[in-house]
Amino acid sequence: MKTKYSNNMDLNELQEFLQTSEIPEIKSKPKTFLGIAKQPHYENVLSNIYAFYFNVNEVHGLKDLFISTFLEVIKEKTKESESSIIFNNNFSIKTEYYTVNKGRIDLLLYDEVNAIIIENKVYHFLGNDLIDYWDSIKVEDKIGVVLSLKIIPNTGHEHFINITHMEFLESVMINLNGYRKEVSPKYLIFLEDLYQNIINLSTSVMEKKDLEFYKKNQQKINALKAFELNVRSSIIGEIENVCESFSENFSVDKKGSNSFCFLHSKKYNNLVLLVLFKDLFDPIESCFELKIKLLNNQIDQVLTLDIDLTDEERDTIYKDEKTWGNYASQKFKVDDFTNIGDIVAGEIQNSHTRNVFSKLENILSKDPTTAAK
């Protein structure tokens, strides 16, 4: 008899799908420092970095690489035989420049005669008052640039052109060879990280063939996801029931029911046996953990106790600093989910960790200075 489960699809169909389909491997994007700092897409952060590299006198040693490259790209975009904007090394750079109507220009490059007004766009919609930006800068020669991730066909202002971050930084990296002798190695790394960050923002992880695979097999994929949720829910429910079965000896707290249960000692409430099962569903780890914790800063007092332990029990004790009240721990590999309840119950009842817990409980409950409250 077929095991019906959802979407008019049975387990045999899902099994066949898994065996006959080559599931696409999703490639992760290289990590960047900006990504690690969770700042990869903030416009003001990128504007500040650009301002640093635009400054020809800064410590990076790249001199005019950024400004000369930017002017090249502007010339190419505007199809001008010669750019009317020329900067010497004394131009100024401002970020968050206030306009007449209290708007803010993300990045302004200017001297007494020339100006480049840069609106830096990452994910936000282009709704800025570019007329206000343009009218606020009073110089003879100026141009506006909307610097964006995606191509913007029409900026909405005749004097603002669109350049993508990728177009600009790809040109910078091409022109970089002529400046490598002068550049500081540290700031070259920062520049390469910025470039990778823009690549990450500008490109999709998903390839077209991957999206087509999903669309073609969407029903089966959704059925598999629903199946996994049902399996997880069933296993978690069984573990919670096992924890509840120990309510005669413990006060059971399931406040982290998707990953752990607290079993508080009824003799000494600050002593807890933590049943941690968040790694059960990791295909590599596939384990649960029993952990002994001391609450309310009781760990320091426990460390002074003389406890008679076997070698196996002593192996469960944390060898490093007892942070967050952790005292002992033991992990248990699970190869078969069909008897997960019996496995968890057996280890709670008979493991070396439980033996340590019981010995600790007896000492703490009898010591008048650590009596349960």
Protein backbone atom coordinates (compact mmCIF):
# COMPACT_ATOMS: atom_id res chain seq x y z
CA MET A 1 0.00 0.00 0.00
CA LYS A 2 1.35 3.47 -0.93
CA THR A 3 2.02 5.92 1.87
CA LYS A 4 -0.03 9.00 1.04
CA TYR A 5 1.27 12.20 2.37
CA SER A 6 0.45 15.47 0.51
CA ASN A 7 -0.26 17.04 -2.85
CA ASN A 8 -1.60 13.70 -4.18
CA MET A 9 1.99 12.46 -4.10
CA ASP A 10 3.24 9.36 -2.30
CA LEU A 11 6.63 8.42 -0.93
CA ASN A 12 7.42 6.21 -3.89
CA GLU A 13 7.09 9.20 -6.24
CA LEU A 14 9.30 11.32 -4.01
CA GLN A 15 11.87 8.54 -3.78
CA GLU A 16 11.93 8.22 -7.57
CA PHE A 17 12.35 11.98 -7.91
CA LEU A 18 15.35 11.98 -5.57
CA GLN A 19 16.97 9.01 -7.29
CA THR A 20 16.50 10.20 -10.86
CA SER A 21 16.94 13.96 -10.54
CA GLU A 22 20.28 15.71 -10.28
CA ILE A 23 19.65 18.36 -7.64
CA PRO A 24 21.56 21.57 -8.52
CA GLU A 25 24.35 22.51 -6.14
CA ILE A 26 23.95 26.10 -5.04
CA LYS A 27 27.31 27.85 -5.03
CA SER A 28 27.87 30.32 -2.24
CA LYS A 29 29.34 33.72 -2.92
CA PRO A 30 32.83 34.46 -1.57
CA LYS A 31 32.67 36.15 1.82
CA THR A 32 33.84 39.72 2.13
CA PHE A 33 34.77 41.75 5.17
CA LEU A 34 31.81 44.04 4.49
CA GLY A 35 29.57 40.98 4.37
CA ILE A 36 30.98 39.60 7.63
CA ALA A 37 30.36 42.99 9.23
CA LYS A 38 26.81 42.86 7.81
CA GLN A 39 27.42 46.15 5.98
CA PRO A 40 27.58 45.02 2.33
CA HIS A 41 24.63 46.98 0.98
CA TYR A 42 24.54 50.19 3.02
CA GLU A 43 24.80 53.16 0.68
CA ASN A 44 26.48 55.46 3.20
CA VAL A 45 29.14 52.81 3.93
CA LEU A 46 29.91 52.38 0.24
CA SER A 47 29.94 56.16 -0.26
CA ASN A 48 32.49 56.55 2.53
CA ILE A 49 34.73 53.88 0.97
CA TYR A 50 34.45 55.49 -2.45
CA ALA A 51 35.29 58.88 -0.93
CA PHE A 52 38.44 57.42 0.59
CA TYR A 53 39.64 56.00 -2.73
CA PHE A 54 38.65 59.10 -4.71
CA ASN A 55 40.97 61.15 -2.49
CA VAL A 56 44.24 61.30 -4.45
CA ASN A 57 46.20 62.29 -1.33
CA GLU A 58 45.02 59.46 0.92
CA VAL A 59 47.29 56.75 2.35
CA HIS A 60 46.09 54.09 -0.10
CA GLY A 61 48.75 55.19 -2.61
CA LEU A 62 46.48 54.76 -5.63
CA LYS A 63 46.68 58.48 -6.37
CA ASP A 64 44.25 59.42 -9.20
CA LEU A 65 43.17 55.86 -10.12
CA PHE A 66 39.56 56.32 -9.04
CA ILE A 67 38.92 59.81 -10.36
CA SER A 68 40.65 59.26 -13.70
CA THR A 69 38.79 55.96 -14.19
CA PHE A 70 35.49 57.57 -13.26
CA LEU A 71 36.04 60.33 -15.79
CA GLU A 72 36.86 57.68 -18.44
CA VAL A 73 33.59 55.87 -17.77
CA ILE A 74 31.65 59.16 -17.83
CA LYS A 75 33.25 60.03 -21.18
CA GLU A 76 32.32 56.64 -22.58
CA LYS A 77 28.75 56.92 -21.32
CA THR A 78 28.19 60.42 -22.63
CA LYS A 79 29.87 59.63 -25.98
CA GLU A 80 31.88 62.83 -25.70
CA SER A 81 35.16 63.08 -27.61
CA GLU A 82 36.57 65.02 -24.68
CA SER A 83 35.33 65.34 -21.14
CA SER A 84 34.69 68.95 -20.19
CA ILE A 85 35.33 68.11 -16.52
CA ILE A 86 38.98 68.12 -15.50
CA PHE A 87 40.17 67.73 -11.91
CA ASN A 88 43.65 68.44 -10.60
CA ASN A 89 44.78 66.95 -7.29
CA ASN A 90 43.13 69.67 -5.24
CA PHE A 91 39.45 68.80 -5.76
CA SER A 92 37.27 68.31 -2.69
CA ILE A 93 35.14 65.35 -1.68
CA LYS A 94 32.00 65.52 0.42
CA THR A 95 29.60 62.81 1.57
CA GLU A 96 26.02 63.50 2.68
CA TYR A 97 26.21 67.03 1.22
CA TYR A 98 23.12 69.06 2.15
CA THR A 99 21.19 70.68 -0.71
CA VAL A 100 19.08 73.84 -0.81
CA ASN A 101 15.92 71.84 -0.13
CA LYS A 102 17.54 69.85 2.72
CA GLY A 103 18.22 66.81 0.58
CA ARG A 104 21.54 65.01 0.80
CA ILE A 105 23.90 64.26 -2.06
CA ASP A 106 25.58 60.94 -1.34
CA LEU A 107 28.93 61.87 -2.82
CA LEU A 108 30.10 65.17 -4.27
CA LEU A 109 33.39 65.68 -6.09
CA TYR A 110 34.08 69.35 -6.84
CA ASP A 111 36.44 72.27 -7.18
CA GLU A 112 35.83 75.92 -8.08
CA VAL A 113 34.91 75.07 -11.67
CA ASN A 114 33.84 71.40 -11.88
CA ALA A 115 31.54 69.04 -10.03
CA ILE A 116 30.36 65.44 -10.22
CA ILE A 117 27.12 64.89 -8.28
CA ILE A 118 26.81 61.20 -7.35
CA GLU A 119 23.61 59.55 -6.17
CA ASN A 120 24.62 56.16 -4.78
CA LYS A 121 21.90 53.54 -5.21
CA VAL A 122 22.04 49.95 -4.01
CA TYR A 123 18.62 48.45 -3.35
CA HIS A 124 16.56 51.60 -2.80
CA PHE A 125 14.20 53.01 -5.41
CA LEU A 126 15.45 56.10 -7.25
CA GLY A 127 13.06 58.71 -5.91
CA ASN A 128 15.52 61.46 -5.05
CA ASP A 129 14.99 65.08 -6.08
CA LEU A 130 17.73 65.25 -8.70
CA ILE A 131 16.57 68.72 -9.75
CA ASP A 132 17.33 69.96 -6.24
CA TYR A 133 20.72 68.21 -6.33
CA TRP A 134 21.57 69.79 -9.68
CA ASP A 135 20.43 73.30 -8.81
CA SER A 136 22.26 73.26 -5.45
CA ILE A 137 25.72 72.99 -7.01
CA LYS A 138 26.83 76.28 -8.53
CA VAL A 139 29.82 75.61 -10.78
CA GLU A 140 30.56 76.10 -14.46
CA ASP A 141 30.89 72.44 -15.51
CA LYS A 142 29.00 69.67 -13.75
CA ILE A 143 27.44 66.29 -14.38
CA GLY A 144 25.20 64.03 -12.35
CA VAL A 145 25.76 60.29 -11.96
CA VAL A 146 23.36 57.72 -10.55
CA LEU A 147 25.64 54.92 -9.39
CA SER A 148 23.49 51.78 -9.15
CA LEU A 149 23.59 47.99 -8.98
CA LYS A 150 21.22 47.48 -11.89
CA ILE A 151 21.01 49.46 -15.10
CA ILE A 152 18.57 52.40 -14.87
CA PRO A 153 17.44 53.25 -18.43
CA ASN A 154 16.13 56.67 -17.46
CA THR A 155 17.33 58.63 -14.45
CA GLY A 156 14.54 61.18 -14.81
CA HIS A 157 16.98 64.07 -15.21
CA GLU A 158 18.62 65.03 -18.47
CA HIS A 159 21.96 65.83 -16.84
CA PHE A 160 22.19 62.65 -14.75
CA ILE A 161 23.67 59.57 -16.40
CA ASN A 162 23.61 56.03 -15.04
CA ILE A 163 26.76 54.04 -14.26
CA THR A 164 26.62 50.72 -12.46
CA HIS A 165 28.96 49.91 -9.60
CA MET A 166 30.24 46.96 -11.63
CA GLU A 167 30.99 49.10 -14.69
CA PHE A 168 32.99 51.50 -12.58
CA LEU A 169 34.91 48.99 -10.44
CA GLU A 170 35.64 46.65 -13.35
CA SER A 171 37.31 49.62 -15.07
CA VAL A 172 39.17 50.44 -11.85
CA MET A 173 40.53 46.87 -11.64
CA ILE A 174 41.61 46.99 -15.30
CA ASN A 175 43.44 50.29 -14.75
CA LEU A 176 44.93 49.09 -11.46
CA ASN A 177 48.00 47.53 -13.09
CA GLY A 178 49.49 50.94 -13.74
CA TYR A 179 49.31 51.80 -10.02
CA ARG A 180 50.40 48.57 -8.31
CA LYS A 181 53.93 49.76 -7.56
CA GLU A 182 52.63 52.62 -5.44
CA VAL A 183 49.65 51.03 -3.71
CA SER A 184 49.78 50.01 -0.05
CA PRO A 185 49.19 46.22 0.21
CA LYS A 186 46.62 46.72 2.97
CA TYR A 187 44.50 49.11 0.92
CA LEU A 188 44.83 46.91 -2.14
CA ILE A 189 43.21 44.12 -0.12
CA PHE A 190 40.45 46.53 0.93
CA LEU A 191 39.90 47.48 -2.71
CA GLU A 192 39.72 43.84 -3.83
CA ASP A 193 37.24 43.18 -1.02
CA LEU A 194 35.12 46.13 -2.16
CA TYR A 195 35.18 44.77 -5.71
CA GLN A 196 34.11 41.30 -4.57
CA ASN A 197 31.38 42.86 -2.46
CA ILE A 198 30.00 44.66 -5.52
CA ILE A 199 30.17 41.42 -7.52
CA ASN A 200 28.21 39.68 -4.76
CA LEU A 201 25.57 42.42 -4.73
CA SER A 202 25.31 42.65 -8.51
CA THR A 203 25.01 38.97 -9.37
CA SER A 204 22.49 36.34 -8.42
CA VAL A 205 23.57 33.13 -6.73
CA MET A 206 20.92 31.29 -8.72
CA GLU A 207 21.72 30.43 -12.30
CA LYS A 208 18.99 30.33 -14.92
CA LYS A 209 19.12 26.53 -15.17
CA ASP A 210 18.65 26.26 -11.39
CA LEU A 211 15.55 28.45 -11.48
CA GLU A 212 14.20 26.44 -14.40
CA PHE A 213 14.78 23.21 -12.45
CA TYR A 214 12.81 24.62 -9.52
CA LYS A 215 9.92 25.76 -11.71
CA LYS A 216 9.74 22.40 -13.46
CA ASN A 217 9.79 20.41 -10.18
CA GLN A 218 8.12 22.90 -7.86
CA GLN A 219 5.32 20.56 -6.77
CA LYS A 220 7.68 17.75 -5.84
CA ILE A 221 10.10 20.09 -4.10
CA ASN A 222 7.27 21.56 -2.04
CA ALA A 223 6.10 18.05 -1.21
CA LEU A 224 9.60 17.18 0.00
CA LYS A 225 9.72 20.31 2.16
CA ALA A 226 6.35 19.45 3.69
CA PHE A 227 7.53 15.89 4.24
CA GLU A 228 10.65 17.11 6.02
CA LEU A 229 8.60 19.41 8.27
CA ASN A 230 6.34 16.52 9.19
CA VAL A 231 9.31 14.29 9.98
CA ARG A 232 10.98 16.96 12.10
CA SER A 233 7.76 17.71 13.95
CA SER A 234 7.24 14.03 14.67
CA ILE A 235 10.78 13.52 15.98
CA ILE A 236 10.70 16.67 18.12
CA GLY A 237 7.32 15.65 19.51
CA GLU A 238 8.68 12.23 20.44
CA ILE A 239 11.68 13.73 22.23
CA GLU A 240 9.44 16.14 24.12
CA ASN A 241 7.26 13.22 25.21
CA VAL A 242 10.37 11.42 26.43
CA CYS A 243 11.35 14.48 28.46
CA GLU A 244 7.84 14.67 29.93
CA SER A 245 8.14 11.02 30.99
CA PHE A 246 10.87 12.07 33.44
CA SER A 247 8.60 14.57 35.20
CA GLU A 248 8.73 12.53 38.41
CA ASN A 249 12.42 13.39 38.82
CA PHE A 250 12.61 16.67 36.90
CA SER A 251 10.70 19.88 36.37
CA VAL A 252 10.35 19.84 32.58
CA ASP A 253 10.64 23.10 30.64
CA LYS A 254 10.19 22.95 26.84
CA LYS A 255 10.64 26.66 26.12
CA GLY A 256 13.11 25.90 23.34
CA SER A 257 10.94 23.14 21.96
CA ASN A 258 12.40 23.21 18.45
CA SER A 259 15.93 22.58 19.68
CA PHE A 260 16.14 21.80 23.39
CA CYS A 261 14.36 20.91 26.62
CA PHE A 262 15.34 21.88 30.17
CA LEU A 263 15.11 19.20 32.87
CA HIS A 264 15.44 21.01 36.21
CA SER A 265 16.46 19.03 39.26
CA LYS A 266 13.65 18.89 41.82
CA LYS A 267 16.27 18.67 44.58
CA TYR A 268 18.34 21.65 43.45
CA ASN A 269 16.60 23.95 41.00
CA ASN A 270 19.77 25.62 39.72
CA LEU A 271 20.98 22.29 38.39
CA VAL A 272 19.73 21.49 34.90
CA LEU A 273 20.08 18.61 32.46
CA LEU A 274 19.72 20.11 29.01
CA VAL A 275 18.51 17.85 26.20
CA LEU A 276 19.82 19.56 23.06
CA PHE A 277 18.64 18.16 19.71
CA LYS A 278 19.20 20.97 17.19
CA ASP A 279 21.93 18.94 15.43
CA LEU A 280 19.77 15.86 14.92
CA PHE A 281 18.73 17.13 11.50
CA ASP A 282 22.23 18.01 10.35
CA PRO A 283 23.14 15.27 7.83
CA ILE A 284 26.75 15.27 9.04
CA GLU A 285 26.33 15.70 12.80
CA SER A 286 23.07 13.77 13.24
CA CYS A 287 23.36 13.76 17.03
CA PHE A 288 21.75 14.97 20.22
CA GLU A 289 23.52 16.19 23.33
CA LEU A 290 23.01 15.97 27.07
CA LYS A 291 24.51 18.92 28.87
CA ILE A 292 24.74 19.73 32.57
CA LYS A 293 24.28 23.43 33.35
CA LEU A 294 24.39 25.44 36.56
CA LEU A 295 22.10 28.48 36.68
CA ASN A 296 22.38 31.75 38.59
CA ASN A 297 26.18 31.78 38.76
CA GLN A 298 26.35 28.53 40.72
CA ILE A 299 29.11 27.11 38.51
CA ASP A 300 31.95 28.66 40.57
CA GLN A 301 30.73 26.96 43.74
CA VAL A 302 30.32 23.62 42.01
CA LEU A 303 33.90 23.73 40.72
CA THR A 304 35.14 23.63 44.33
CA LEU A 305 33.27 20.40 45.12
CA ASP A 306 35.10 17.09 45.44
CA ILE A 307 33.03 14.62 43.40
CA ASP A 308 33.90 10.93 43.14
CA LEU A 309 33.75 10.22 39.39
CA THR A 310 34.78 7.31 37.20
CA ASP A 311 37.17 7.94 34.32
CA GLU A 312 34.26 7.76 31.86
CA GLU A 313 32.24 10.23 33.89
CA ARG A 314 35.22 12.58 34.24
CA ASP A 315 35.58 12.61 30.44
CA THR A 316 32.23 14.38 30.18
CA ILE A 317 33.44 17.36 32.25
CA TYR A 318 34.37 20.45 30.25
CA LYS A 319 38.16 20.80 30.16
CA ASP A 320 38.13 24.49 29.27
CA GLU A 321 36.59 27.44 31.06
CA LYS A 322 33.07 26.72 32.29
CA THR A 323 31.29 29.50 30.39
CA TRP A 324 27.54 30.11 30.54
CA GLY A 325 27.31 27.69 33.46
CA ASN A 326 28.21 24.64 31.35
CA TYR A 327 29.70 21.85 33.47
CA ALA A 328 29.55 18.59 31.52
CA SER A 329 28.41 17.35 28.13
CA GLN A 330 28.05 14.20 26.07
CA LYS A 331 26.99 13.80 22.42
CA PHE A 332 25.20 10.78 20.98
CA LYS A 333 25.26 9.89 17.29
CA VAL A 334 21.90 8.80 15.86
CA ASP A 335 21.90 6.54 12.79
CA ASP A 336 18.25 5.48 12.95
CA PHE A 337 15.34 7.80 13.68
CA THR A 338 12.80 4.98 13.99
CA ASN A 339 13.75 4.39 17.64
CA ILE A 340 14.82 7.92 18.54
CA GLY A 341 12.55 8.00 21.60
CA ASP A 342 14.11 4.87 23.11
CA ILE A 343 17.62 6.17 22.40
CA VAL A 344 17.03 9.53 24.09
CA ALA A 345 15.23 7.94 27.04
CA GLY A 346 18.01 5.41 27.52
CA GLU A 347 20.76 8.03 27.54
CA ILE A 348 18.83 10.32 29.91
CA GLN A 349 18.44 7.38 32.24
CA ASN A 350 21.80 5.63 32.00
CA SER A 351 24.51 7.79 30.37
CA HIS A 352 27.71 8.92 32.07
CA THR A 353 26.34 12.47 31.92
CA ARG A 354 23.27 11.42 33.90
CA ASN A 355 25.50 9.69 36.45
CA VAL A 356 27.50 12.91 36.91
CA PHE A 357 24.22 14.81 37.22
CA SER A 358 22.93 12.45 39.92
CA LYS A 359 26.16 12.65 41.95
CA LEU A 360 26.20 16.43 41.67
CA GLU A 361 22.53 16.60 42.63
CA ASN A 362 23.07 14.51 45.77
CA ILE A 363 25.97 16.67 46.95
CA LEU A 364 24.24 19.98 46.25
CA SER A 365 20.96 18.95 47.88
CA LYS A 366 22.73 17.84 51.09
CA ASP A 367 25.11 20.80 51.45
CA PRO A 368 23.31 23.39 53.57
CA THR A 369 25.22 26.25 51.87
CA THR A 370 23.79 25.23 48.47
CA ALA A 371 20.35 24.02 49.50
CA ALA A 372 17.63 24.26 46.89
CA LYS A 373 15.59 27.41 47.07
